[in-house]
Amino acid sequence: YKKSESLYGYHLIPDRVETIYLCEGYIDVLSMDAKGFAYP
């Protein structure tokens, strides 16, 4: 576990996608996912 080398939600992204959404924190990831954004 190295904070600066880790991404919350990374394990949910398929191997090949063109777009991801980089958020500030994990609550933002949960909020974007709830609103239907793919791959935050």
Full PDB file with SEQRES, HELIX, SHEET, SSBOND, CRYST1, ORIGX, SCALE, CONECT and MASTER records, all heavy atoms in Angstrom:
SEQRES   1 A   40  TYR LYS LYS SER GLU SER LEU TYR GLY TYR HIS LEU ILE          
SEQRES   2 A   40  PRO ASP ARG VAL GLU THR ILE TYR LEU CYS GLU GLY TYR          
SEQRES   3 A   40  ILE ASP VAL LEU SER MET ASP ALA LYS GLY PHE ALA TYR          
SEQRES   4 A   40  PRO                                                          
HELIX    1 AA1 LYS A    3  GLU A    5  5                                   3    
HELIX    2 AA2 TYR A   10  LEU A   12  5                                   3    
HELIX    3 AA3 TYR A   26  ALA A   34  1                                   9    
CRYST1    1.000    1.000    1.000  90.00  90.00  90.00 P 1           1          
ORIGX1      1.000000  0.000000  0.000000        0.00000                         
ORIGX2      0.000000  1.000000  0.000000        0.00000                         
ORIGX3      0.000000  0.000000  1.000000        0.00000                         
SCALE1      1.000000  0.000000  0.000000        0.00000                         
SCALE2      0.000000  1.000000  0.000000        0.00000                         
SCALE3      0.000000  0.000000  1.000000        0.00000                         
ATOM      1  N   TYR A   1       0.831  -1.205   0.000  1.00  0.00           N  
ATOM      2  CA  TYR A   1       0.000   0.000   0.000  1.00  0.00           C  
ATOM      3  C   TYR A   1       0.863   1.252   0.000  1.00  0.00           C  
ATOM      4  O   TYR A   1       1.540   1.553   0.979  1.00  0.00           O  
ATOM      5  CB  TYR A   1      -0.930   0.021   1.210  1.00  0.00           C  
ATOM      6  CG  TYR A   1      -1.770   1.284   1.302  1.00  0.00           C  
ATOM      7  CD1 TYR A   1      -2.657   1.615   0.302  1.00  0.00           C  
ATOM      8  CD2 TYR A   1      -1.657   2.131   2.387  1.00  0.00           C  
ATOM      9  CE1 TYR A   1      -3.425   2.770   0.384  1.00  0.00           C  
ATOM     10  CE2 TYR A   1      -2.419   3.284   2.483  1.00  0.00           C  
ATOM     11  CZ  TYR A   1      -3.304   3.595   1.471  1.00  0.00           C  
ATOM     12  OH  TYR A   1      -4.065   4.729   1.541  1.00  0.00           O  
ATOM     13  N   LYS A   2       0.849   1.927  -1.129  1.00  0.00           N  
ATOM     14  CA  LYS A   2       1.521   3.210  -1.269  1.00  0.00           C  
ATOM     15  C   LYS A   2       0.483   4.176  -1.826  1.00  0.00           C  
ATOM     16  O   LYS A   2       0.074   4.059  -2.984  1.00  0.00           O  
ATOM     17  CB  LYS A   2       2.720   3.086  -2.206  1.00  0.00           C  
ATOM     18  CG  LYS A   2       3.795   2.142  -1.688  1.00  0.00           C  
ATOM     19  CD  LYS A   2       4.875   1.920  -2.732  1.00  0.00           C  
ATOM     20  CE  LYS A   2       5.905   0.937  -2.270  1.00  0.00           C  
ATOM     21  NZ  LYS A   2       5.468  -0.445  -2.275  1.00  0.00           N  
ATOM     22  N   LYS A   3       0.042   5.120  -0.993  1.00  0.00           N  
ATOM     23  CA  LYS A   3      -1.029   6.030  -1.398  1.00  0.00           C  
ATOM     24  C   LYS A   3      -0.768   6.684  -2.743  1.00  0.00           C  
ATOM     25  O   LYS A   3      -1.657   6.764  -3.583  1.00  0.00           O  
ATOM     26  CB  LYS A   3      -1.232   7.126  -0.348  1.00  0.00           C  
ATOM     27  CG  LYS A   3      -2.050   6.713   0.829  1.00  0.00           C  
ATOM     28  CD  LYS A   3      -2.177   7.823   1.849  1.00  0.00           C  
ATOM     29  CE  LYS A   3      -2.731   9.077   1.248  1.00  0.00           C  
ATOM     30  NZ  LYS A   3      -3.019  10.133   2.210  1.00  0.00           N  
ATOM     31  N   SER A   4       0.436   7.158  -2.957  1.00  0.00           N  
ATOM     32  CA  SER A   4       0.739   7.899  -4.180  1.00  0.00           C  
ATOM     33  C   SER A   4       0.784   7.011  -5.428  1.00  0.00           C  
ATOM     34  O   SER A   4       0.845   7.520  -6.541  1.00  0.00           O  
ATOM     35  CB  SER A   4       2.061   8.650  -4.033  1.00  0.00           C  
ATOM     36  OG  SER A   4       3.120   7.743  -3.863  1.00  0.00           O  
ATOM     37  N   GLU A   5       0.722   5.697  -5.241  1.00  0.00           N  
ATOM     38  CA  GLU A   5       0.759   4.772  -6.375  1.00  0.00           C  
ATOM     39  C   GLU A   5      -0.541   3.981  -6.524  1.00  0.00           C  
ATOM     40  O   GLU A   5      -0.585   3.016  -7.283  1.00  0.00           O  
ATOM     41  CB  GLU A   5       1.925   3.798  -6.208  1.00  0.00           C  
ATOM     42  CG  GLU A   5       3.275   4.475  -6.219  1.00  0.00           C  
ATOM     43  CD  GLU A   5       4.420   3.496  -5.997  1.00  0.00           C  
ATOM     44  OE1 GLU A   5       4.196   2.272  -6.077  1.00  0.00           O  
ATOM     45  OE2 GLU A   5       5.542   3.969  -5.741  1.00  0.00           O  
ATOM     46  N   SER A   6      -1.589   4.397  -5.814  1.00  0.00           N  
ATOM     47  CA  SER A   6      -2.835   3.629  -5.807  1.00  0.00           C  
ATOM     48  C   SER A   6      -3.997   4.457  -6.345  1.00  0.00           C  
ATOM     49  O   SER A   6      -4.059   5.663  -6.134  1.00  0.00           O  
ATOM     50  CB  SER A   6      -3.157   3.174  -4.382  1.00  0.00           C  
ATOM     51  OG  SER A   6      -2.099   2.408  -3.859  1.00  0.00           O  
ATOM     52  N   LEU A   7      -4.913   3.787  -7.026  1.00  0.00           N  
ATOM     53  CA  LEU A   7      -6.127   4.417  -7.524  1.00  0.00           C  
ATOM     54  C   LEU A   7      -7.341   3.672  -6.983  1.00  0.00           C  
ATOM     55  O   LEU A   7      -7.464   2.456  -7.183  1.00  0.00           O  
ATOM     56  CB  LEU A   7      -6.186   4.400  -9.058  1.00  0.00           C  
ATOM     57  CG  LEU A   7      -5.222   5.304  -9.791  1.00  0.00           C  
ATOM     58  CD1 LEU A   7      -5.311   5.042 -11.297  1.00  0.00           C  
ATOM     59  CD2 LEU A   7      -5.518   6.768  -9.500  1.00  0.00           C  
ATOM     60  N   TYR A   8      -8.227   4.394  -6.325  1.00  0.00           N  
ATOM     61  CA  TYR A   8      -9.458   3.801  -5.824  1.00  0.00           C  
ATOM     62  C   TYR A   8     -10.384   3.546  -7.010  1.00  0.00           C  
ATOM     63  O   TYR A   8     -10.622   4.427  -7.828  1.00  0.00           O  
ATOM     64  CB  TYR A   8     -10.123   4.742  -4.822  1.00  0.00           C  
ATOM     65  CG  TYR A   8     -11.429   4.215  -4.296  1.00  0.00           C  
ATOM     66  CD1 TYR A   8     -11.446   3.254  -3.291  1.00  0.00           C  
ATOM     67  CD2 TYR A   8     -12.639   4.650  -4.814  1.00  0.00           C  
ATOM     68  CE1 TYR A   8     -12.635   2.759  -2.813  1.00  0.00           C  
ATOM     69  CE2 TYR A   8     -13.831   4.158  -4.337  1.00  0.00           C  
ATOM     70  CZ  TYR A   8     -13.829   3.220  -3.340  1.00  0.00           C  
ATOM     71  OH  TYR A   8     -15.008   2.718  -2.867  1.00  0.00           O  
ATOM     72  N   GLY A   9     -10.898   2.338  -7.123  1.00  0.00           N  
ATOM     73  CA  GLY A   9     -11.810   1.962  -8.204  1.00  0.00           C  
ATOM     74  C   GLY A   9     -11.131   1.392  -9.424  1.00  0.00           C  
ATOM     75  O   GLY A   9     -11.795   0.972 -10.370  1.00  0.00           O  
ATOM     76  N   TYR A  10      -9.813   1.347  -9.412  1.00  0.00           N  
ATOM     77  CA  TYR A  10      -9.057   0.858 -10.573  1.00  0.00           C  
ATOM     78  C   TYR A  10      -9.414  -0.572 -10.942  1.00  0.00           C  
ATOM     79  O   TYR A  10      -9.468  -0.926 -12.116  1.00  0.00           O  
ATOM     80  CB  TYR A  10      -7.560   0.980 -10.289  1.00  0.00           C  
ATOM     81  CG  TYR A  10      -6.670   0.511 -11.408  1.00  0.00           C  
ATOM     82  CD1 TYR A  10      -6.507   1.283 -12.554  1.00  0.00           C  
ATOM     83  CD2 TYR A  10      -5.999  -0.696 -11.329  1.00  0.00           C  
ATOM     84  CE1 TYR A  10      -5.702   0.855 -13.587  1.00  0.00           C  
ATOM     85  CE2 TYR A  10      -5.175  -1.130 -12.354  1.00  0.00           C  
ATOM     86  CZ  TYR A  10      -5.035  -0.352 -13.478  1.00  0.00           C  
ATOM     87  OH  TYR A  10      -4.231  -0.782 -14.511  1.00  0.00           O  
ATOM     88  N   HIS A  11      -9.690  -1.379  -9.944  1.00  0.00           N  
ATOM     89  CA  HIS A  11      -9.980  -2.797 -10.197  1.00  0.00           C  
ATOM     90  C   HIS A  11     -11.279  -3.002 -10.974  1.00  0.00           C  
ATOM     91  O   HIS A  11     -11.530  -4.073 -11.498  1.00  0.00           O  
ATOM     92  CB  HIS A  11     -10.027  -3.565  -8.877  1.00  0.00           C  
ATOM     93  CG  HIS A  11     -11.194  -3.210  -8.026  1.00  0.00           C  
ATOM     94  ND1 HIS A  11     -11.258  -2.028  -7.303  1.00  0.00           N  
ATOM     95  CD2 HIS A  11     -12.351  -3.856  -7.788  1.00  0.00           C  
ATOM     96  CE1 HIS A  11     -12.412  -1.985  -6.659  1.00  0.00           C  
ATOM     97  NE2 HIS A  11     -13.086  -3.086  -6.933  1.00  0.00           N  
ATOM     98  N   LEU A  12     -12.116  -1.982 -11.092  1.00  0.00           N  
ATOM     99  CA  LEU A  12     -13.388  -2.092 -11.806  1.00  0.00           C  
ATOM    100  C   LEU A  12     -13.284  -1.738 -13.285  1.00  0.00           C  
ATOM    101  O   LEU A  12     -14.248  -1.883 -14.027  1.00  0.00           O  
ATOM    102  CB  LEU A  12     -14.437  -1.195 -11.140  1.00  0.00           C  
ATOM    103  CG  LEU A  12     -14.755  -1.540  -9.684  1.00  0.00           C  
ATOM    104  CD1 LEU A  12     -15.674  -0.489  -9.083  1.00  0.00           C  
ATOM    105  CD2 LEU A  12     -15.371  -2.922  -9.591  1.00  0.00           C  
ATOM    106  N   ILE A  13     -12.123  -1.279 -13.713  1.00  0.00           N  
ATOM    107  CA  ILE A  13     -11.949  -0.853 -15.102  1.00  0.00           C  
ATOM    108  C   ILE A  13     -11.493  -2.038 -15.952  1.00  0.00           C  
ATOM    109  O   ILE A  13     -10.519  -2.710 -15.614  1.00  0.00           O  
ATOM    110  CB  ILE A  13     -10.919   0.288 -15.198  1.00  0.00           C  
ATOM    111  CG1 ILE A  13     -11.418   1.483 -14.390  1.00  0.00           C  
ATOM    112  CG2 ILE A  13     -10.675   0.682 -16.647  1.00  0.00           C  
ATOM    113  CD1 ILE A  13     -10.411   2.607 -14.309  1.00  0.00           C  
ATOM    114  N   PRO A  14     -12.175  -2.283 -17.074  1.00  0.00           N  
ATOM    115  CA  PRO A  14     -11.727  -3.350 -17.976  1.00  0.00           C  
ATOM    116  C   PRO A  14     -10.336  -3.030 -18.540  1.00  0.00           C  
ATOM    117  O   PRO A  14      -9.863  -1.895 -18.462  1.00  0.00           O  
ATOM    118  CB  PRO A  14     -12.764  -3.351 -19.101  1.00  0.00           C  
ATOM    119  CG  PRO A  14     -13.913  -2.568 -18.594  1.00  0.00           C  
ATOM    120  CD  PRO A  14     -13.390  -1.638 -17.552  1.00  0.00           C  
ATOM    121  N   ASP A  15      -9.696  -4.023 -19.128  1.00  0.00           N  
ATOM    122  CA  ASP A  15      -8.345  -3.845 -19.650  1.00  0.00           C  
ATOM    123  C   ASP A  15      -8.223  -2.727 -20.679  1.00  0.00           C  
ATOM    124  O   ASP A  15      -7.234  -2.032 -20.712  1.00  0.00           O  
ATOM    125  CB  ASP A  15      -7.831  -5.147 -20.264  1.00  0.00           C  
ATOM    126  CG  ASP A  15      -7.494  -6.175 -19.201  1.00  0.00           C  
ATOM    127  OD1 ASP A  15      -7.234  -5.775 -18.052  1.00  0.00           O  
ATOM    128  OD2 ASP A  15      -7.491  -7.365 -19.530  1.00  0.00           O  
ATOM    129  N   ARG A  16      -9.220  -2.570 -21.532  1.00  0.00           N  
ATOM    130  CA  ARG A  16      -9.119  -1.563 -22.594  1.00  0.00           C  
ATOM    131  C   ARG A  16     -10.346  -0.659 -22.589  1.00  0.00           C  
ATOM    132  O   ARG A  16     -11.425  -1.074 -22.985  1.00  0.00           O  
ATOM    133  CB  ARG A  16      -8.989  -2.238 -23.947  1.00  0.00           C  
ATOM    134  CG  ARG A  16      -7.663  -2.935 -24.134  1.00  0.00           C  
ATOM    135  CD  ARG A  16      -7.523  -3.474 -25.544  1.00  0.00           C  
ATOM    136  NE  ARG A  16      -6.175  -3.895 -25.809  1.00  0.00           N  
ATOM    137  CZ  ARG A  16      -5.681  -5.088 -25.516  1.00  0.00           C  
ATOM    138  NH1 ARG A  16      -6.448  -5.974 -24.937  1.00  0.00           N  
ATOM    139  NH2 ARG A  16      -4.441  -5.392 -25.806  1.00  0.00           N  
ATOM    140  N   VAL A  17     -10.150   0.561 -22.135  1.00  0.00           N  
ATOM    141  CA  VAL A  17     -11.182   1.592 -22.232  1.00  0.00           C  
ATOM    142  C   VAL A  17     -10.513   2.866 -22.732  1.00  0.00           C  
ATOM    143  O   VAL A  17      -9.313   3.065 -22.564  1.00  0.00           O  
ATOM    144  CB  VAL A  17     -11.901   1.871 -20.885  1.00  0.00           C  
ATOM    145  CG1 VAL A  17     -12.643   0.658 -20.402  1.00  0.00           C  
ATOM    146  CG2 VAL A  17     -10.951   2.382 -19.847  1.00  0.00           C  
ATOM    147  N   GLU A  18     -11.289   3.726 -23.383  1.00  0.00           N  
ATOM    148  CA  GLU A  18     -10.723   4.964 -23.915  1.00  0.00           C  
ATOM    149  C   GLU A  18     -10.795   6.118 -22.935  1.00  0.00           C  
ATOM    150  O   GLU A  18      -9.991   7.037 -22.999  1.00  0.00           O  
ATOM    151  CB  GLU A  18     -11.431   5.332 -25.211  1.00  0.00           C  
ATOM    152  CG  GLU A  18     -11.132   4.369 -26.336  1.00  0.00           C  
ATOM    153  CD  GLU A  18     -11.669   4.850 -27.663  1.00  0.00           C  
ATOM    154  OE1 GLU A  18     -11.920   6.060 -27.808  1.00  0.00           O  
ATOM    155  OE2 GLU A  18     -11.829   4.011 -28.556  1.00  0.00           O  
ATOM    156  N   THR A  19     -11.775   6.091 -22.028  1.00  0.00           N  
ATOM    157  CA  THR A  19     -11.973   7.222 -21.132  1.00  0.00           C  
ATOM    158  C   THR A  19     -12.178   6.751 -19.699  1.00  0.00           C  
ATOM    159  O   THR A  19     -12.940   5.826 -19.464  1.00  0.00           O  
ATOM    160  CB  THR A  19     -13.218   8.040 -21.556  1.00  0.00           C  
ATOM    161  OG1 THR A  19     -13.053   8.464 -22.905  1.00  0.00           O  
ATOM    162  CG2 THR A  19     -13.408   9.248 -20.672  1.00  0.00           C  
ATOM    163  N   ILE A  20     -11.473   7.389 -18.774  1.00  0.00           N  
ATOM    164  CA  ILE A  20     -11.746   7.224 -17.348  1.00  0.00           C  
ATOM    165  C   ILE A  20     -11.919   8.629 -16.766  1.00  0.00           C  
ATOM    166  O   ILE A  20     -11.525   9.623 -17.376  1.00  0.00           O  
ATOM    167  CB  ILE A  20     -10.631   6.472 -16.596  1.00  0.00           C  
ATOM    168  CG1 ILE A  20      -9.324   7.259 -16.619  1.00  0.00           C  
ATOM    169  CG2 ILE A  20     -10.450   5.068 -17.143  1.00  0.00           C  
ATOM    170  CD1 ILE A  20      -8.291   6.715 -15.664  1.00  0.00           C  
ATOM    171  N   TYR A  21     -12.545   8.712 -15.615  1.00  0.00           N  
ATOM    172  CA  TYR A  21     -12.724   9.990 -14.932  1.00  0.00           C  
ATOM    173  C   TYR A  21     -11.873   9.975 -13.670  1.00  0.00           C  
ATOM    174  O   TYR A  21     -12.096   9.154 -12.782  1.00  0.00           O  
ATOM    175  CB  TYR A  21     -14.195  10.210 -14.573  1.00  0.00           C  
ATOM    176  CG  TYR A  21     -15.066  10.364 -15.793  1.00  0.00           C  
ATOM    177  CD1 TYR A  21     -15.727   9.263 -16.338  1.00  0.00           C  
ATOM    178  CD2 TYR A  21     -15.214  11.595 -16.399  1.00  0.00           C  
ATOM    179  CE1 TYR A  21     -16.519   9.402 -17.461  1.00  0.00           C  
ATOM    180  CE2 TYR A  21     -15.998  11.737 -17.526  1.00  0.00           C  
ATOM    181  CZ  TYR A  21     -16.644  10.639 -18.050  1.00  0.00           C  
ATOM    182  OH  TYR A  21     -17.428  10.778 -19.170  1.00  0.00           O  
ATOM    183  N   LEU A  22     -10.905  10.871 -13.593  1.00  0.00           N  
ATOM    184  CA  LEU A  22     -10.042  10.968 -12.428  1.00  0.00           C  
ATOM    185  C   LEU A  22     -10.670  11.945 -11.444  1.00  0.00           C  
ATOM    186  O   LEU A  22     -10.874  13.112 -11.757  1.00  0.00           O  
ATOM    187  CB  LEU A  22      -8.641  11.440 -12.818  1.00  0.00           C  
ATOM    188  CG  LEU A  22      -7.633  11.569 -11.682  1.00  0.00           C  
ATOM    189  CD1 LEU A  22      -7.441  10.229 -10.979  1.00  0.00           C  
ATOM    190  CD2 LEU A  22      -6.313  12.109 -12.210  1.00  0.00           C  
ATOM    191  N   CYS A  23     -10.987  11.454 -10.266  1.00  0.00           N  
ATOM    192  CA  CYS A  23     -11.669  12.243  -9.238  1.00  0.00           C  
ATOM    193  C   CYS A  23     -10.693  12.590  -8.118  1.00  0.00           C  
ATOM    194  O   CYS A  23      -9.619  12.020  -8.005  1.00  0.00           O  
ATOM    195  CB  CYS A  23     -12.822  11.434  -8.636  1.00  0.00           C  
ATOM    196  SG  CYS A  23     -14.024  10.873  -9.837  1.00  0.00           S  
ATOM    197  N   GLU A  24     -11.130  13.501  -7.251  1.00  0.00           N  
ATOM    198  CA  GLU A  24     -10.281  13.914  -6.139  1.00  0.00           C  
ATOM    199  C   GLU A  24     -10.227  12.876  -5.027  1.00  0.00           C  
ATOM    200  O   GLU A  24      -9.183  12.627  -4.444  1.00  0.00           O  
ATOM    201  CB  GLU A  24     -10.787  15.229  -5.563  1.00  0.00           C  
ATOM    202  CG  GLU A  24      -9.919  15.769  -4.453  1.00  0.00           C  
ATOM    203  CD  GLU A  24     -10.367  17.101  -3.930  1.00  0.00           C  
ATOM    204  OE1 GLU A  24     -11.391  17.634  -4.400  1.00  0.00           O  
ATOM    205  OE2 GLU A  24      -9.701  17.608  -3.023  1.00  0.00           O  
ATOM    206  N   GLY A  25     -11.347  12.241  -4.713  1.00  0.00           N  
ATOM    207  CA  GLY A  25     -11.375  11.282  -3.616  1.00  0.00           C  
ATOM    208  C   GLY A  25     -12.385  10.185  -3.848  1.00  0.00           C  
ATOM    209  O   GLY A  25     -13.156  10.198  -4.806  1.00  0.00           O  
ATOM    210  N   TYR A  26     -12.379   9.214  -2.924  1.00  0.00           N  
ATOM    211  CA  TYR A  26     -13.234   8.048  -3.134  1.00  0.00           C  
ATOM    212  C   TYR A  26     -14.721   8.357  -3.019  1.00  0.00           C  
ATOM    213  O   TYR A  26     -15.535   7.702  -3.665  1.00  0.00           O  
ATOM    214  CB  TYR A  26     -12.828   6.859  -2.262  1.00  0.00           C  
ATOM    215  CG  TYR A  26     -12.477   7.148  -0.826  1.00  0.00           C  
ATOM    216  CD1 TYR A  26     -13.445   7.237   0.137  1.00  0.00           C  
ATOM    217  CD2 TYR A  26     -11.158   7.300  -0.449  1.00  0.00           C  
ATOM    218  CE1 TYR A  26     -13.112   7.484   1.456  1.00  0.00           C  
ATOM    219  CE2 TYR A  26     -10.814   7.540   0.862  1.00  0.00           C  
ATOM    220  CZ  TYR A  26     -11.804   7.637   1.815  1.00  0.00           C  
ATOM    221  OH  TYR A  26     -11.473   7.884   3.117  1.00  0.00           O  
ATOM    222  N   ILE A  27     -15.122   9.347  -2.249  1.00  0.00           N  
ATOM    223  CA  ILE A  27     -16.541   9.722  -2.196  1.00  0.00           C  
ATOM    224  C   ILE A  27     -16.984  10.268  -3.551  1.00  0.00           C  
ATOM    225  O   ILE A  27     -18.107  10.019  -4.008  1.00  0.00           O  
ATOM    226  CB  ILE A  27     -16.805  10.741  -1.064  1.00  0.00           C  
ATOM    227  CG1 ILE A  27     -16.490  10.115   0.291  1.00  0.00           C  
ATOM    228  CG2 ILE A  27     -18.235  11.261  -1.120  1.00  0.00           C  
ATOM    229  CD1 ILE A  27     -17.306   8.885   0.644  1.00  0.00           C  
ATOM    230  N   ASP A  28     -16.089  10.988  -4.233  1.00  0.00           N  
ATOM    231  CA  ASP A  28     -16.395  11.475  -5.583  1.00  0.00           C  
ATOM    232  C   ASP A  28     -16.596  10.306  -6.547  1.00  0.00           C  
ATOM    233  O   ASP A  28     -17.477  10.350  -7.409  1.00  0.00           O  
ATOM    234  CB  ASP A  28     -15.269  12.374  -6.092  1.00  0.00           C  
ATOM    235  CG  ASP A  28     -15.047  13.573  -5.195  1.00  0.00           C  
ATOM    236  OD1 ASP A  28     -16.036  14.192  -4.784  1.00  0.00           O  
ATOM    237  OD2 ASP A  28     -13.872  13.874  -4.904  1.00  0.00           O  
ATOM    238  N   VAL A  29     -15.787   9.266  -6.414  1.00  0.00           N  
ATOM    239  CA  VAL A  29     -15.941   8.076  -7.253  1.00  0.00           C  
ATOM    240  C   VAL A  29     -17.318   7.452  -7.026  1.00  0.00           C  
ATOM    241  O   VAL A  29     -18.039   7.132  -7.982  1.00  0.00           O  
ATOM    242  CB  VAL A  29     -14.830   7.038  -6.976  1.00  0.00           C  
ATOM    243  CG1 VAL A  29     -15.130   5.711  -7.668  1.00  0.00           C  
ATOM    244  CG2 VAL A  29     -13.485   7.572  -7.416  1.00  0.00           C  
ATOM    245  N   LEU A  30     -17.699   7.301  -5.781  1.00  0.00           N  
ATOM    246  CA  LEU A  30     -19.009   6.717  -5.471  1.00  0.00           C  
ATOM    247  C   LEU A  30     -20.143   7.587  -6.010  1.00  0.00           C  
ATOM    248  O   LEU A  30     -21.124   7.072  -6.551  1.00  0.00           O  
ATOM    249  CB  LEU A  30     -19.150   6.534  -3.954  1.00  0.00           C  
ATOM    250  CG  LEU A  30     -18.141   5.579  -3.315  1.00  0.00           C  
ATOM    251  CD1 LEU A  30     -18.276   5.606  -1.800  1.00  0.00           C  
ATOM    252  CD2 LEU A  30     -18.301   4.181  -3.851  1.00  0.00           C  
ATOM    253  N   SER A  31     -20.012   8.900  -5.888  1.00  0.00           N  
ATOM    254  CA  SER A  31     -21.037   9.817  -6.385  1.00  0.00           C  
ATOM    255  C   SER A  31     -21.151   9.756  -7.902  1.00  0.00           C  
ATOM    256  O   SER A  31     -22.252   9.723  -8.449  1.00  0.00           O  
ATOM    257  CB  SER A  31     -20.728  11.254  -5.954  1.00  0.00           C  
ATOM    258  OG  SER A  31     -20.736  11.367  -4.560  1.00  0.00           O  
ATOM    259  N   MET A  32     -20.015   9.752  -8.586  1.00  0.00           N  
ATOM    260  CA  MET A  32     -20.050   9.689 -10.056  1.00  0.00           C  
ATOM    261  C   MET A  32     -20.613   8.360 -10.538  1.00  0.00           C  
ATOM    262  O   MET A  32     -21.379   8.321 -11.502  1.00  0.00           O  
ATOM    263  CB  MET A  32     -18.662   9.940 -10.628  1.00  0.00           C  
ATOM    264  CG  MET A  32     -18.226  11.391 -10.474  1.00  0.00           C  
ATOM    265  SD  MET A  32     -16.716  11.766 -11.353  1.00  0.00           S  
ATOM    266  CE  MET A  32     -17.263  11.688 -13.055  1.00  0.00           C  
ATOM    267  N   ASP A  33     -20.249   7.288  -9.871  1.00  0.00           N  
ATOM    268  CA  ASP A  33     -20.793   5.981 -10.230  1.00  0.00           C  
ATOM    269  C   ASP A  33     -22.315   5.966 -10.042  1.00  0.00           C  
ATOM    270  O   ASP A  33     -23.041   5.464 -10.897  1.00  0.00           O  
ATOM    271  CB  ASP A  33     -20.135   4.892  -9.389  1.00  0.00           C  
ATOM    272  CG  ASP A  33     -20.647   3.513  -9.763  1.00  0.00           C  
ATOM    273  OD1 ASP A  33     -20.368   3.063 -10.887  1.00  0.00           O  
ATOM    274  OD2 ASP A  33     -21.322   2.898  -8.917  1.00  0.00           O  
ATOM    275  N   ALA A  34     -22.789   6.554  -8.960  1.00  0.00           N  
ATOM    276  CA  ALA A  34     -24.238   6.606  -8.700  1.00  0.00           C  
ATOM    277  C   ALA A  34     -24.968   7.421  -9.757  1.00  0.00           C  
ATOM    278  O   ALA A  34     -26.146   7.167 -10.036  1.00  0.00           O  
ATOM    279  CB  ALA A  34     -24.493   7.192  -7.312  1.00  0.00           C  
ATOM    280  N   LYS A  35     -24.293   8.388 -10.349  1.00  0.00           N  
ATOM    281  CA  LYS A  35     -24.889   9.225 -11.403  1.00  0.00           C  
ATOM    282  C   LYS A  35     -24.741   8.605 -12.785  1.00  0.00           C  
ATOM    283  O   LYS A  35     -25.158   9.188 -13.782  1.00  0.00           O  
ATOM    284  CB  LYS A  35     -24.263  10.622 -11.406  1.00  0.00           C  
ATOM    285  CG  LYS A  35     -24.558  11.410 -10.157  1.00  0.00           C  
ATOM    286  CD  LYS A  35     -26.006  11.835 -10.119  1.00  0.00           C  
ATOM    287  CE  LYS A  35     -26.245  12.711  -8.911  1.00  0.00           C  
ATOM    288  NZ  LYS A  35     -27.635  13.110  -8.808  1.00  0.00           N  
ATOM    289  N   GLY A  36     -24.098   7.443 -12.883  1.00  0.00           N  
ATOM    290  CA  GLY A  36     -24.013   6.742 -14.160  1.00  0.00           C  
ATOM    291  C   GLY A  36     -22.747   6.964 -14.962  1.00  0.00           C  
ATOM    292  O   GLY A  36     -22.647   6.520 -16.098  1.00  0.00           O  
ATOM    293  N   PHE A  37     -21.759   7.652 -14.408  1.00  0.00           N  
ATOM    294  CA  PHE A  37     -20.497   7.826 -15.124  1.00  0.00           C  
ATOM    295  C   PHE A  37     -19.721   6.514 -15.088  1.00  0.00           C  
ATOM    296  O   PHE A  37     -19.573   5.891 -14.049  1.00  0.00           O  
ATOM    297  CB  PHE A  37     -19.639   8.918 -14.470  1.00  0.00           C  
ATOM    298  CG  PHE A  37     -20.156  10.306 -14.698  1.00  0.00           C  
ATOM    299  CD1 PHE A  37     -21.100  10.857 -13.852  1.00  0.00           C  
ATOM    300  CD2 PHE A  37     -19.707  11.049 -15.776  1.00  0.00           C  
ATOM    301  CE1 PHE A  37     -21.588  12.136 -14.062  1.00  0.00           C  
ATOM    302  CE2 PHE A  37     -20.179  12.330 -15.992  1.00  0.00           C  
ATOM    303  CZ  PHE A  37     -21.125  12.875 -15.144  1.00  0.00           C  
ATOM    304  N   ALA A  38     -19.223   6.109 -16.245  1.00  0.00           N  
ATOM    305  CA  ALA A  38     -18.465   4.859 -16.327  1.00  0.00           C  
ATOM    306  C   ALA A  38     -17.003   5.117 -16.003  1.00  0.00           C  
ATOM    307  O   ALA A  38     -16.407   6.070 -16.491  1.00  0.00           O  
ATOM    308  CB  ALA A  38     -18.583   4.269 -17.729  1.00  0.00           C  
ATOM    309  N   TYR A  39     -16.438   4.283 -15.166  1.00  0.00           N  
ATOM    310  CA  TYR A  39     -15.011   4.218 -14.877  1.00  0.00           C  
ATOM    311  C   TYR A  39     -14.439   5.447 -14.162  1.00  0.00           C  
ATOM    312  O   TYR A  39     -13.409   5.976 -14.561  1.00  0.00           O  
ATOM    313  CB  TYR A  39     -14.216   3.909 -16.147  1.00  0.00           C  
ATOM    314  CG  TYR A  39     -14.831   2.779 -16.938  1.00  0.00           C  
ATOM    315  CD1 TYR A  39     -15.168   2.941 -18.269  1.00  0.00           C  
ATOM    316  CD2 TYR A  39     -15.104   1.562 -16.336  1.00  0.00           C  
ATOM    317  CE1 TYR A  39     -15.754   1.908 -18.977  1.00  0.00           C  
ATOM    318  CE2 TYR A  39     -15.678   0.529 -17.033  1.00  0.00           C  
ATOM    319  CZ  TYR A  39     -16.008   0.717 -18.378  1.00  0.00           C  
ATOM    320  OH  TYR A  39     -16.584  -0.299 -19.066  1.00  0.00           O  
ATOM    321  N   PRO A  40     -15.047   5.871 -13.059  1.00  0.00           N  
ATOM    322  CA  PRO A  40     -14.385   6.888 -12.246  1.00  0.00           C  
ATOM    323  C   PRO A  40     -13.345   6.245 -11.344  1.00  0.00           C  
ATOM    324  O   PRO A  40     -13.531   5.119 -10.872  1.00  0.00           O  
ATOM    325  CB  PRO A  40     -15.535   7.477 -11.418  1.00  0.00           C  
ATOM    326  CG  PRO A  40     -16.501   6.340 -11.284  1.00  0.00           C  
ATOM    327  CD  PRO A  40     -16.373   5.538 -12.563  1.00  0.00           C  
TER     328      PRO A  40                                                      
MASTER        0    0    0    3    0    0    0    6  327    1    0    4          
END                                                                             
